[in-house]
Amino acid sequence: MTPKTFFRWVAWLLILAIAVFTLAPIEFRPVTGAPVNLERFAAFAVIGAALCLGYPKHRVPILVLLLGLVGLLEVAQNHVPGRHGRLPDGLVKASGALLGIAFAMLIERCKPDP
């Protein structure tokens, strides 16, 4: 398995997991003990980095995809009993995605030429 393929699998599986846990009742949400905003930020940072490392020539579409996903999940939470989508939560997630993308760009830039 190539690194690109690995990062593609990781990214899409994380997106699936985030969508499931975001739209599931609150009691099914995994708890790490870390502050909730840190969990949100880190999850989307990892997704952003994994997508950019898996699809290095598609950064702008990845950015649009992740910002759209954040917005969609926040709005969709309002239709799940006991859940609520809020703009501050979305901003934390979007910030994490942006940092993850920037991190992946830095990694790509620092790679030695073959």
PDB file of N, CA and C in Angstrom:
ATOM      1  N   MET A   1       0.856  -1.169   0.000  1.00  0.00           N
ATOM      2  CA  MET A   1       0.000   0.000   0.000  1.00  0.00           C
ATOM      3  C   MET A   1       0.908   1.239   0.000  1.00  0.00           C
ATOM      4  N   THR A   2       0.637   2.154  -0.895  1.00  0.00           N
ATOM      5  CA  THR A   2       1.444   3.370  -0.966  1.00  0.00           C
ATOM      6  C   THR A   2       1.009   4.337   0.139  1.00  0.00           C
ATOM      7  N   PRO A   3       1.867   5.286   0.497  1.00  0.00           N
ATOM      8  CA  PRO A   3       1.466   6.273   1.504  1.00  0.00           C
ATOM      9  C   PRO A   3       0.215   7.059   1.104  1.00  0.00           C
ATOM     10  N   LYS A   4       0.096   7.405  -0.177  1.00  0.00           N
ATOM     11  CA  LYS A   4      -1.106   8.139  -0.624  1.00  0.00           C
ATOM     12  C   LYS A   4      -2.358   7.316  -0.376  1.00  0.00           C
ATOM     13  N   THR A   5      -2.302   6.050  -0.709  1.00  0.00           N
ATOM     14  CA  THR A   5      -3.462   5.173  -0.502  1.00  0.00           C
ATOM     15  C   THR A   5      -3.782   5.058   0.987  1.00  0.00           C
ATOM     16  N   PHE A   6      -2.759   4.913   1.797  1.00  0.00           N
ATOM     17  CA  PHE A   6      -2.966   4.831   3.240  1.00  0.00           C
ATOM     18  C   PHE A   6      -3.676   6.080   3.766  1.00  0.00           C
ATOM     19  N   PHE A   7      -3.166   7.257   3.396  1.00  0.00           N
ATOM     20  CA  PHE A   7      -3.767   8.497   3.888  1.00  0.00           C
ATOM     21  C   PHE A   7      -5.185   8.699   3.349  1.00  0.00           C
ATOM     22  N   ARG A   8      -5.445   8.244   2.147  1.00  0.00           N
ATOM     23  CA  ARG A   8      -6.818   8.329   1.602  1.00  0.00           C
ATOM     24  C   ARG A   8      -7.768   7.488   2.450  1.00  0.00           C
ATOM     25  N   TRP A   9      -7.366   6.254   2.752  1.00  0.00           N
ATOM     26  CA  TRP A   9      -8.208   5.380   3.575  1.00  0.00           C
ATOM     27  C   TRP A   9      -8.445   5.979   4.957  1.00  0.00           C
ATOM     28  N   VAL A  10      -7.363   6.459   5.569  1.00  0.00           N
ATOM     29  CA  VAL A  10      -7.479   7.054   6.900  1.00  0.00           C
ATOM     30  C   VAL A  10      -8.441   8.228   6.870  1.00  0.00           C
ATOM     31  N   ALA A  11      -8.279   9.113   5.887  1.00  0.00           N
ATOM     32  CA  ALA A  11      -9.123  10.312   5.808  1.00  0.00           C
ATOM     33  C   ALA A  11     -10.597   9.955   5.654  1.00  0.00           C
ATOM     34  N   TRP A  12     -10.909   9.082   4.722  1.00  0.00           N
ATOM     35  CA  TRP A  12     -12.330   8.762   4.479  1.00  0.00           C
ATOM     36  C   TRP A  12     -12.944   7.989   5.643  1.00  0.00           C
ATOM     37  N   LEU A  13     -12.172   7.128   6.279  1.00  0.00           N
ATOM     38  CA  LEU A  13     -12.706   6.425   7.453  1.00  0.00           C
ATOM     39  C   LEU A  13     -12.935   7.391   8.619  1.00  0.00           C
ATOM     40  N   LEU A  14     -12.038   8.356   8.792  1.00  0.00           N
ATOM     41  CA  LEU A  14     -12.245   9.365   9.837  1.00  0.00           C
ATOM     42  C   LEU A  14     -13.456  10.239   9.540  1.00  0.00           C
ATOM     43  N   ILE A  15     -13.639  10.603   8.284  1.00  0.00           N
ATOM     44  CA  ILE A  15     -14.818  11.392   7.924  1.00  0.00           C
ATOM     45  C   ILE A  15     -16.085  10.611   8.245  1.00  0.00           C
ATOM     46  N   LEU A  16     -16.102   9.335   7.904  1.00  0.00           N
ATOM     47  CA  LEU A  16     -17.257   8.488   8.216  1.00  0.00           C
ATOM     48  C   LEU A  16     -17.485   8.427   9.725  1.00  0.00           C
ATOM     49  N   ALA A  17     -16.427   8.208  10.488  1.00  0.00           N
ATOM     50  CA  ALA A  17     -16.558   8.122  11.946  1.00  0.00           C
ATOM     51  C   ALA A  17     -17.052   9.438  12.538  1.00  0.00           C
ATOM     52  N   ILE A  18     -16.510  10.551  12.076  1.00  0.00           N
ATOM     53  CA  ILE A  18     -16.932  11.861  12.581  1.00  0.00           C
ATOM     54  C   ILE A  18     -18.407  12.099  12.270  1.00  0.00           C
ATOM     55  N   ALA A  19     -18.820  11.759  11.059  1.00  0.00           N
ATOM     56  CA  ALA A  19     -20.225  11.954  10.687  1.00  0.00           C
ATOM     57  C   ALA A  19     -21.144  11.098  11.569  1.00  0.00           C
ATOM     58  N   VAL A  20     -20.767   9.846  11.785  1.00  0.00           N
ATOM     59  CA  VAL A  20     -21.599   8.953  12.602  1.00  0.00           C
ATOM     60  C   VAL A  20     -21.694   9.477  14.034  1.00  0.00           C
ATOM     61  N   PHE A  21     -20.555   9.814  14.637  1.00  0.00           N
ATOM     62  CA  PHE A  21     -20.578  10.256  16.030  1.00  0.00           C
ATOM     63  C   PHE A  21     -21.187  11.651  16.192  1.00  0.00           C
ATOM     64  N   THR A  22     -21.083  12.479  15.169  1.00  0.00           N
ATOM     65  CA  THR A  22     -21.682  13.812  15.240  1.00  0.00           C
ATOM     66  C   THR A  22     -23.195  13.737  15.172  1.00  0.00           C
ATOM     67  N   LEU A  23     -23.724  12.792  14.412  1.00  0.00           N
ATOM     68  CA  LEU A  23     -25.170  12.715  14.217  1.00  0.00           C
ATOM     69  C   LEU A  23     -25.838  11.658  15.097  1.00  0.00           C
ATOM     70  N   ALA A  24     -25.059  10.952  15.891  1.00  0.00           N
ATOM     71  CA  ALA A  24     -25.620   9.972  16.825  1.00  0.00           C
ATOM     72  C   ALA A  24     -26.052  10.693  18.101  1.00  0.00           C
ATOM     73  N   PRO A  25     -26.919  10.077  18.875  1.00  0.00           N
ATOM     74  CA  PRO A  25     -27.262  10.678  20.170  1.00  0.00           C
ATOM     75  C   PRO A  25     -26.012  10.910  21.006  1.00  0.00           C
ATOM     76  N   ILE A  26     -26.050  11.921  21.838  1.00  0.00           N
ATOM     77  CA  ILE A  26     -24.888  12.378  22.590  1.00  0.00           C
ATOM     78  C   ILE A  26     -24.263  11.281  23.451  1.00  0.00           C
ATOM     79  N   GLU A  27     -25.057  10.341  23.944  1.00  0.00           N
ATOM     80  CA  GLU A  27     -24.498   9.298  24.810  1.00  0.00           C
ATOM     81  C   GLU A  27     -23.589   8.327  24.053  1.00  0.00           C
ATOM     82  N   PHE A  28     -23.631   8.328  22.721  1.00  0.00           N
ATOM     83  CA  PHE A  28     -22.764   7.459  21.925  1.00  0.00           C
ATOM     84  C   PHE A  28     -21.452   8.136  21.542  1.00  0.00           C
ATOM     85  N   ARG A  29     -21.325   9.418  21.855  1.00  0.00           N
ATOM     86  CA  ARG A  29     -20.120  10.155  21.508  1.00  0.00           C
ATOM     87  C   ARG A  29     -18.956   9.685  22.372  1.00  0.00           C
ATOM     88  N   PRO A  30     -17.830   9.302  21.742  1.00  0.00           N
ATOM     89  CA  PRO A  30     -16.683   8.889  22.548  1.00  0.00           C
ATOM     90  C   PRO A  30     -16.124  10.071  23.335  1.00  0.00           C
ATOM     91  N   VAL A  31     -15.653   9.805  24.523  1.00  0.00           N
ATOM     92  CA  VAL A  31     -15.095  10.844  25.379  1.00  0.00           C
ATOM     93  C   VAL A  31     -13.652  10.474  25.697  1.00  0.00           C
ATOM     94  N   THR A  32     -12.738  11.407  25.436  1.00  0.00           N
ATOM     95  CA  THR A  32     -11.320  11.133  25.678  1.00  0.00           C
ATOM     96  C   THR A  32     -10.833  11.721  26.990  1.00  0.00           C
ATOM     97  N   GLY A  33     -11.587  12.639  27.549  1.00  0.00           N
ATOM     98  CA  GLY A  33     -11.148  13.335  28.749  1.00  0.00           C
ATOM     99  C   GLY A  33     -10.495  14.665  28.422  1.00  0.00           C
ATOM    100  N   ALA A  34     -10.180  14.880  27.148  1.00  0.00           N
ATOM    101  CA  ALA A  34      -9.613  16.160  26.711  1.00  0.00           C
ATOM    102  C   ALA A  34     -10.753  17.170  26.567  1.00  0.00           C
ATOM    103  N   PRO A  35     -10.443  18.457  26.571  1.00  0.00           N
ATOM    104  CA  PRO A  35     -11.489  19.450  26.333  1.00  0.00           C
ATOM    105  C   PRO A  35     -12.164  19.196  24.984  1.00  0.00           C
ATOM    106  N   VAL A  36     -13.468  19.388  24.934  1.00  0.00           N
ATOM    107  CA  VAL A  36     -14.248  19.074  23.734  1.00  0.00           C
ATOM    108  C   VAL A  36     -13.739  19.856  22.522  1.00  0.00           C
ATOM    109  N   ASN A  37     -13.405  21.117  22.707  1.00  0.00           N
ATOM    110  CA  ASN A  37     -12.917  21.898  21.572  1.00  0.00           C
ATOM    111  C   ASN A  37     -11.582  21.366  21.054  1.00  0.00           C
ATOM    112  N   LEU A  38     -10.747  20.848  21.933  1.00  0.00           N
ATOM    113  CA  LEU A  38      -9.492  20.248  21.494  1.00  0.00           C
ATOM    114  C   LEU A  38      -9.772  18.981  20.684  1.00  0.00           C
ATOM    115  N   GLU A  39     -10.742  18.184  21.123  1.00  0.00           N
ATOM    116  CA  GLU A  39     -11.119  16.983  20.376  1.00  0.00           C
ATOM    117  C   GLU A  39     -11.598  17.352  18.982  1.00  0.00           C
ATOM    118  N   ARG A  40     -12.468  18.355  18.893  1.00  0.00           N
ATOM    119  CA  ARG A  40     -12.997  18.799  17.595  1.00  0.00           C
ATOM    120  C   ARG A  40     -11.865  19.287  16.696  1.00  0.00           C
ATOM    121  N   PHE A  41     -11.029  20.155  17.250  1.00  0.00           N
ATOM    122  CA  PHE A  41      -9.933  20.742  16.489  1.00  0.00           C
ATOM    123  C   PHE A  41      -8.999  19.651  15.970  1.00  0.00           C
ATOM    124  N   ALA A  42      -8.599  18.751  16.855  1.00  0.00           N
ATOM    125  CA  ALA A  42      -7.651  17.698  16.488  1.00  0.00           C
ATOM    126  C   ALA A  42      -8.237  16.746  15.441  1.00  0.00           C
ATOM    127  N   ALA A  43      -9.496  16.390  15.591  1.00  0.00           N
ATOM    128  CA  ALA A  43     -10.120  15.473  14.634  1.00  0.00           C
ATOM    129  C   ALA A  43     -10.088  16.057  13.224  1.00  0.00           C
ATOM    130  N   PHE A  44     -10.455  17.319  13.098  1.00  0.00           N
ATOM    131  CA  PHE A  44     -10.476  17.914  11.767  1.00  0.00           C
ATOM    132  C   PHE A  44      -9.080  18.255  11.266  1.00  0.00           C
ATOM    133  N   ALA A  45      -8.134  18.501  12.165  1.00  0.00           N
ATOM    134  CA  ALA A  45      -6.748  18.712  11.740  1.00  0.00           C
ATOM    135  C   ALA A  45      -6.187  17.427  11.129  1.00  0.00           C
ATOM    136  N   VAL A  46      -6.464  16.304  11.770  1.00  0.00           N
ATOM    137  CA  VAL A  46      -5.987  15.013  11.252  1.00  0.00           C
ATOM    138  C   VAL A  46      -6.652  14.711   9.907  1.00  0.00           C
ATOM    139  N   ILE A  47      -7.944  14.967   9.791  1.00  0.00           N
ATOM    140  CA  ILE A  47      -8.641  14.724   8.522  1.00  0.00           C
ATOM    141  C   ILE A  47      -8.067  15.616   7.428  1.00  0.00           C
ATOM    142  N   GLY A  48      -7.875  16.893   7.722  1.00  0.00           N
ATOM    143  CA  GLY A  48      -7.323  17.806   6.723  1.00  0.00           C
ATOM    144  C   GLY A  48      -5.942  17.375   6.262  1.00  0.00           C
ATOM    145  N   ALA A  49      -5.092  17.005   7.206  1.00  0.00           N
ATOM    146  CA  ALA A  49      -3.744  16.558   6.855  1.00  0.00           C
ATOM    147  C   ALA A  49      -3.793  15.262   6.046  1.00  0.00           C
ATOM    148  N   ALA A  50      -4.607  14.317   6.481  1.00  0.00           N
ATOM    149  CA  ALA A  50      -4.684  13.026   5.783  1.00  0.00           C
ATOM    150  C   ALA A  50      -5.206  13.199   4.359  1.00  0.00           C
ATOM    151  N   LEU A  51      -6.225  14.028   4.172  1.00  0.00           N
ATOM    152  CA  LEU A  51      -6.738  14.252   2.821  1.00  0.00           C
ATOM    153  C   LEU A  51      -5.683  14.901   1.930  1.00  0.00           C
ATOM    154  N   CYS A  52      -4.970  15.881   2.452  1.00  0.00           N
ATOM    155  CA  CYS A  52      -3.958  16.558   1.639  1.00  0.00           C
ATOM    156  C   CYS A  52      -2.760  15.662   1.339  1.00  0.00           C
ATOM    157  N   LEU A  53      -2.419  14.775   2.265  1.00  0.00           N
ATOM    158  CA  LEU A  53      -1.337  13.845   1.991  1.00  0.00           C
ATOM    159  C   LEU A  53      -1.790  12.732   1.042  1.00  0.00           C
ATOM    160  N   GLY A  54      -3.066  12.427   1.046  1.00  0.00           N
ATOM    161  CA  GLY A  54      -3.606  11.425   0.131  1.00  0.00           C
ATOM    162  C   GLY A  54      -3.908  11.975  -1.252  1.00  0.00           C
ATOM    163  N   TYR A  55      -4.257  13.252  -1.316  1.00  0.00           N
ATOM    164  CA  TYR A  55      -4.587  13.910  -2.579  1.00  0.00           C
ATOM    165  C   TYR A  55      -3.797  15.222  -2.667  1.00  0.00           C
ATOM    166  N   PRO A  56      -2.474  15.162  -2.856  1.00  0.00           N
ATOM    167  CA  PRO A  56      -1.645  16.362  -2.750  1.00  0.00           C
ATOM    168  C   PRO A  56      -1.900  17.426  -3.812  1.00  0.00           C
ATOM    169  N   LYS A  57      -2.507  17.081  -4.911  1.00  0.00           N
ATOM    170  CA  LYS A  57      -2.747  18.055  -5.977  1.00  0.00           C
ATOM    171  C   LYS A  57      -4.147  18.656  -5.923  1.00  0.00           C
ATOM    172  N   HIS A  58      -4.876  18.393  -4.843  1.00  0.00           N
ATOM    173  CA  HIS A  58      -6.271  18.829  -4.761  1.00  0.00           C
ATOM    174  C   HIS A  58      -6.545  19.597  -3.473  1.00  0.00           C
ATOM    175  N   ARG A  59      -5.680  20.508  -3.108  1.00  0.00           N
ATOM    176  CA  ARG A  59      -5.821  21.192  -1.823  1.00  0.00           C
ATOM    177  C   ARG A  59      -7.033  22.104  -1.750  1.00  0.00           C
ATOM    178  N   VAL A  60      -7.274  22.864  -2.798  1.00  0.00           N
ATOM    179  CA  VAL A  60      -8.423  23.789  -2.775  1.00  0.00           C
ATOM    180  C   VAL A  60      -9.739  23.006  -2.711  1.00  0.00           C
ATOM    181  N   PRO A  61      -9.933  21.976  -3.541  1.00  0.00           N
ATOM    182  CA  PRO A  61     -11.173  21.193  -3.385  1.00  0.00           C
ATOM    183  C   PRO A  61     -11.295  20.541  -2.006  1.00  0.00           C
ATOM    184  N   ILE A  62     -10.180  20.142  -1.419  1.00  0.00           N
ATOM    185  CA  ILE A  62     -10.217  19.553  -0.076  1.00  0.00           C
ATOM    186  C   ILE A  62     -10.670  20.601   0.927  1.00  0.00           C
ATOM    187  N   LEU A  63     -10.141  21.803   0.811  1.00  0.00           N
ATOM    188  CA  LEU A  63     -10.546  22.893   1.705  1.00  0.00           C
ATOM    189  C   LEU A  63     -12.039  23.150   1.584  1.00  0.00           C
ATOM    190  N   VAL A  64     -12.542  23.226   0.361  1.00  0.00           N
ATOM    191  CA  VAL A  64     -13.975  23.457   0.144  1.00  0.00           C
ATOM    192  C   VAL A  64     -14.790  22.293   0.709  1.00  0.00           C
ATOM    193  N   LEU A  65     -14.336  21.074   0.459  1.00  0.00           N
ATOM    194  CA  LEU A  65     -15.025  19.886   0.978  1.00  0.00           C
ATOM    195  C   LEU A  65     -15.117  19.921   2.496  1.00  0.00           C
ATOM    196  N   LEU A  66     -14.004  20.207   3.163  1.00  0.00           N
ATOM    197  CA  LEU A  66     -14.005  20.182   4.629  1.00  0.00           C
ATOM    198  C   LEU A  66     -14.835  21.316   5.220  1.00  0.00           C
ATOM    199  N   LEU A  67     -14.748  22.497   4.645  1.00  0.00           N
ATOM    200  CA  LEU A  67     -15.576  23.596   5.157  1.00  0.00           C
ATOM    201  C   LEU A  67     -17.063  23.299   4.938  1.00  0.00           C
ATOM    202  N   GLY A  68     -17.384  22.707   3.790  1.00  0.00           N
ATOM    203  CA  GLY A  68     -18.764  22.301   3.544  1.00  0.00           C
ATOM    204  C   GLY A  68     -19.219  21.205   4.496  1.00  0.00           C
ATOM    205  N   LEU A  69     -18.331  20.249   4.769  1.00  0.00           N
ATOM    206  CA  LEU A  69     -18.654  19.164   5.701  1.00  0.00           C
ATOM    207  C   LEU A  69     -18.908  19.701   7.099  1.00  0.00           C
ATOM    208  N   VAL A  70     -18.064  20.628   7.535  1.00  0.00           N
ATOM    209  CA  VAL A  70     -18.250  21.242   8.857  1.00  0.00           C
ATOM    210  C   VAL A  70     -19.613  21.909   8.929  1.00  0.00           C
ATOM    211  N   GLY A  71     -19.940  22.719   7.928  1.00  0.00           N
ATOM    212  CA  GLY A  71     -21.233  23.408   7.917  1.00  0.00           C
ATOM    213  C   GLY A  71     -22.397  22.436   7.880  1.00  0.00           C
ATOM    214  N   LEU A  72     -22.299  21.427   7.029  1.00  0.00           N
ATOM    215  CA  LEU A  72     -23.368  20.437   6.915  1.00  0.00           C
ATOM    216  C   LEU A  72     -23.582  19.692   8.224  1.00  0.00           C
ATOM    217  N   LEU A  73     -22.506  19.271   8.867  1.00  0.00           N
ATOM    218  CA  LEU A  73     -22.645  18.533  10.126  1.00  0.00           C
ATOM    219  C   LEU A  73     -23.214  19.414  11.237  1.00  0.00           C
ATOM    220  N   GLU A  74     -22.810  20.679  11.278  1.00  0.00           N
ATOM    221  CA  GLU A  74     -23.361  21.573  12.303  1.00  0.00           C
ATOM    222  C   GLU A  74     -24.863  21.786  12.090  1.00  0.00           C
ATOM    223  N   VAL A  75     -25.276  21.978  10.859  1.00  0.00           N
ATOM    224  CA  VAL A  75     -26.706  22.161  10.569  1.00  0.00           C
ATOM    225  C   VAL A  75     -27.463  20.864  10.839  1.00  0.00           C
ATOM    226  N   ALA A  76     -26.900  19.734  10.436  1.00  0.00           N
ATOM    227  CA  ALA A  76     -27.570  18.441  10.619  1.00  0.00           C
ATOM    228  C   ALA A  76     -27.754  18.101  12.090  1.00  0.00           C
ATOM    229  N   GLN A  77     -26.841  18.551  12.938  1.00  0.00           N
ATOM    230  CA  GLN A  77     -26.982  18.272  14.374  1.00  0.00           C
ATOM    231  C   GLN A  77     -28.264  18.871  14.939  1.00  0.00           C
ATOM    232  N   ASN A  78     -28.732  19.947  14.364  1.00  0.00           N
ATOM    233  CA  ASN A  78     -29.961  20.579  14.856  1.00  0.00           C
ATOM    234  C   ASN A  78     -31.193  19.707  14.645  1.00  0.00           C
ATOM    235  N   HIS A  79     -31.064  18.662  13.836  1.00  0.00           N
ATOM    236  CA  HIS A  79     -32.193  17.763  13.568  1.00  0.00           C
ATOM    237  C   HIS A  79     -32.081  16.451  14.350  1.00  0.00           C
ATOM    238  N   VAL A  80     -31.100  16.381  15.237  1.00  0.00           N
ATOM    239  CA  VAL A  80     -30.912  15.188  16.071  1.00  0.00           C
ATOM    240  C   VAL A  80     -31.315  15.561  17.500  1.00  0.00           C
ATOM    241  N   PRO A  81     -32.273  14.837  18.073  1.00  0.00           N
ATOM    242  CA  PRO A  81     -32.698  15.163  19.439  1.00  0.00           C
ATOM    243  C   PRO A  81     -31.508  15.133  20.415  1.00  0.00           C
ATOM    244  N   GLY A  82     -31.413  16.158  21.230  1.00  0.00           N
ATOM    245  CA  GLY A  82     -30.368  16.235  22.224  1.00  0.00           C
ATOM    246  C   GLY A  82     -29.054  16.794  21.705  1.00  0.00           C
ATOM    247  N   ARG A  83     -28.964  17.083  20.423  1.00  0.00           N
ATOM    248  CA  ARG A  83     -27.740  17.637  19.838  1.00  0.00           C
ATOM    249  C   ARG A  83     -28.030  19.054  19.363  1.00  0.00           C
ATOM    250  N   HIS A  84     -26.996  19.830  19.208  1.00  0.00           N
ATOM    251  CA  HIS A  84     -27.151  21.195  18.715  1.00  0.00           C
ATOM    252  C   HIS A  84     -25.909  21.586  17.930  1.00  0.00           C
ATOM    253  N   GLY A  85     -26.130  22.183  16.780  1.00  0.00           N
ATOM    254  CA  GLY A  85     -25.025  22.703  15.987  1.00  0.00           C
ATOM    255  C   GLY A  85     -24.859  24.177  16.313  1.00  0.00           C
ATOM    256  N   ARG A  86     -23.610  24.575  16.557  1.00  0.00           N
ATOM    257  CA  ARG A  86     -23.370  25.970  16.900  1.00  0.00           C
ATOM    258  C   ARG A  86     -22.209  26.507  16.073  1.00  0.00           C
ATOM    259  N   LEU A  87     -22.280  27.791  15.758  1.00  0.00           N
ATOM    260  CA  LEU A  87     -21.236  28.427  14.974  1.00  0.00           C
ATOM    261  C   LEU A  87     -19.864  28.334  15.645  1.00  0.00           C
ATOM    262  N   PRO A  88     -19.742  28.592  16.952  1.00  0.00           N
ATOM    263  CA  PRO A  88     -18.407  28.472  17.564  1.00  0.00           C
ATOM    264  C   PRO A  88     -17.796  27.068  17.413  1.00  0.00           C
ATOM    265  N   ASP A  89     -18.627  26.032  17.511  1.00  0.00           N
ATOM    266  CA  ASP A  89     -18.125  24.669  17.312  1.00  0.00           C
ATOM    267  C   ASP A  89     -17.633  24.487  15.877  1.00  0.00           C
ATOM    268  N   GLY A  90     -18.396  25.007  14.935  1.00  0.00           N
ATOM    269  CA  GLY A  90     -18.009  24.923  13.529  1.00  0.00           C
ATOM    270  C   GLY A  90     -16.715  25.663  13.243  1.00  0.00           C
ATOM    271  N   LEU A  91     -16.525  26.793  13.892  1.00  0.00           N
ATOM    272  CA  LEU A  91     -15.291  27.561  13.689  1.00  0.00           C
ATOM    273  C   LEU A  91     -14.075  26.812  14.227  1.00  0.00           C
ATOM    274  N   VAL A  92     -14.245  26.124  15.342  1.00  0.00           N
ATOM    275  CA  VAL A  92     -13.146  25.314  15.889  1.00  0.00           C
ATOM    276  C   VAL A  92     -12.803  24.182  14.917  1.00  0.00           C
ATOM    277  N   LYS A  93     -13.815  23.517  14.388  1.00  0.00           N
ATOM    278  CA  LYS A  93     -13.588  22.422  13.445  1.00  0.00           C
ATOM    279  C   LYS A  93     -12.933  22.936  12.162  1.00  0.00           C
ATOM    280  N   ALA A  94     -13.432  24.061  11.645  1.00  0.00           N
ATOM    281  CA  ALA A  94     -12.863  24.630  10.422  1.00  0.00           C
ATOM    282  C   ALA A  94     -11.414  25.054  10.648  1.00  0.00           C
ATOM    283  N   SER A  95     -11.114  25.601  11.804  1.00  0.00           N
ATOM    284  CA  SER A  95      -9.738  25.989  12.129  1.00  0.00           C
ATOM    285  C   SER A  95      -8.826  24.769  12.164  1.00  0.00           C
ATOM    286  N   GLY A  96      -9.320  23.684  12.730  1.00  0.00           N
ATOM    287  CA  GLY A  96      -8.539  22.449  12.750  1.00  0.00           C
ATOM    288  C   GLY A  96      -8.265  21.938  11.342  1.00  0.00           C
ATOM    289  N   ALA A  97      -9.279  21.980  10.490  1.00  0.00           N
ATOM    290  CA  ALA A  97      -9.100  21.535   9.105  1.00  0.00           C
ATOM    291  C   ALA A  97      -8.052  22.387   8.399  1.00  0.00           C
ATOM    292  N   LEU A  98      -8.122  23.698   8.598  1.00  0.00           N
ATOM    293  CA  LEU A  98      -7.144  24.595   7.968  1.00  0.00           C
ATOM    294  C   LEU A  98      -5.725  24.307   8.451  1.00  0.00           C
ATOM    295  N   LEU A  99      -5.567  24.095   9.742  1.00  0.00           N
ATOM    296  CA  LEU A  99      -4.237  23.801  10.264  1.00  0.00           C
ATOM    297  C   LEU A  99      -3.731  22.462   9.742  1.00  0.00           C
ATOM    298  N   GLY A 100      -4.604  21.486   9.647  1.00  0.00           N
ATOM    299  CA  GLY A 100      -4.202  20.181   9.110  1.00  0.00           C
ATOM    300  C   GLY A 100      -3.747  20.283   7.670  1.00  0.00           C
ATOM    301  N   ILE A 101      -4.454  21.073   6.878  1.00  0.00           N
ATOM    302  CA  ILE A 101      -4.071  21.282   5.479  1.00  0.00           C
ATOM    303  C   ILE A 101      -2.714  21.985   5.413  1.00  0.00           C
ATOM    304  N   ALA A 102      -2.545  23.017   6.231  1.00  0.00           N
ATOM    305  CA  ALA A 102      -1.272  23.748   6.246  1.00  0.00           C
ATOM    306  C   ALA A 102      -0.122  22.828   6.672  1.00  0.00           C
ATOM    307  N   PHE A 103      -0.360  21.984   7.645  1.00  0.00           N
ATOM    308  CA  PHE A 103       0.657  21.041   8.110  1.00  0.00           C
ATOM    309  C   PHE A 103       1.056  20.082   6.986  1.00  0.00           C
ATOM    310  N   ALA A 104       0.064  19.570   6.260  1.00  0.00           N
ATOM    311  CA  ALA A 104       0.356  18.655   5.152  1.00  0.00           C
ATOM    312  C   ALA A 104       1.153  19.367   4.068  1.00  0.00           C
ATOM    313  N   MET A 105       0.832  20.627   3.813  1.00  0.00           N
ATOM    314  CA  MET A 105       1.588  21.398   2.826  1.00  0.00           C
ATOM    315  C   MET A 105       3.042  21.566   3.274  1.00  0.00           C
ATOM    316  N   LEU A 106       3.244  21.800   4.548  1.00  0.00           N
ATOM    317  CA  LEU A 106       4.595  21.936   5.094  1.00  0.00           C
ATOM    318  C   LEU A 106       5.370  20.632   4.952  1.00  0.00           C
ATOM    319  N   ILE A 107       4.728  19.523   5.240  1.00  0.00           N
ATOM    320  CA  ILE A 107       5.364  18.211   5.098  1.00  0.00           C
ATOM    321  C   ILE A 107       5.763  17.979   3.635  1.00  0.00           C
ATOM    322  N   GLU A 108       4.853  18.287   2.716  1.00  0.00           N
ATOM    323  CA  GLU A 108       5.142  18.100   1.298  1.00  0.00           C
ATOM    324  C   GLU A 108       6.300  18.991   0.842  1.00  0.00           C
ATOM    325  N   ARG A 109       6.339  20.210   1.345  1.00  0.00           N
ATOM    326  CA  ARG A 109       7.387  21.145   0.964  1.00  0.00           C
ATOM    327  C   ARG A 109       8.754  20.705   1.488  1.00  0.00           C
ATOM    328  N   CYS A 110       8.779  20.087   2.652  1.00  0.00           N
ATOM    329  CA  CYS A 110      10.046  19.671   3.267  1.00  0.00           C
ATOM    330  C   CYS A 110      10.558  18.331   2.779  1.00  0.00           C
ATOM    331  N   LYS A 111       9.750  17.618   1.996  1.00  0.00           N
ATOM    332  CA  LYS A 111      10.197  16.318   1.472  1.00  0.00           C
ATOM    333  C   LYS A 111      11.340  16.517   0.498  1.00  0.00           C
ATOM    334  N   PRO A 112      12.352  15.659   0.554  1.00  0.00           N
ATOM    335  CA  PRO A 112      13.432  15.766  -0.415  1.00  0.00           C
ATOM    336  C   PRO A 112      12.943  15.349  -1.805  1.00  0.00           C
ATOM    337  N   ASP A 113      13.509  15.951  -2.829  1.00  0.00           N
ATOM    338  CA  ASP A 113      13.152  15.592  -4.198  1.00  0.00           C
ATOM    339  C   ASP A 113      13.696  14.204  -4.521  1.00  0.00           C
ATOM    340  N   PRO A 114      12.913  13.398  -5.272  1.00  0.00           N
ATOM    341  CA  PRO A 114      13.369  12.052  -5.587  1.00  0.00           C
ATOM    342  C   PRO A 114      14.481  12.044  -6.616  1.00  0.00           C
TER     343      PRO A 114
END
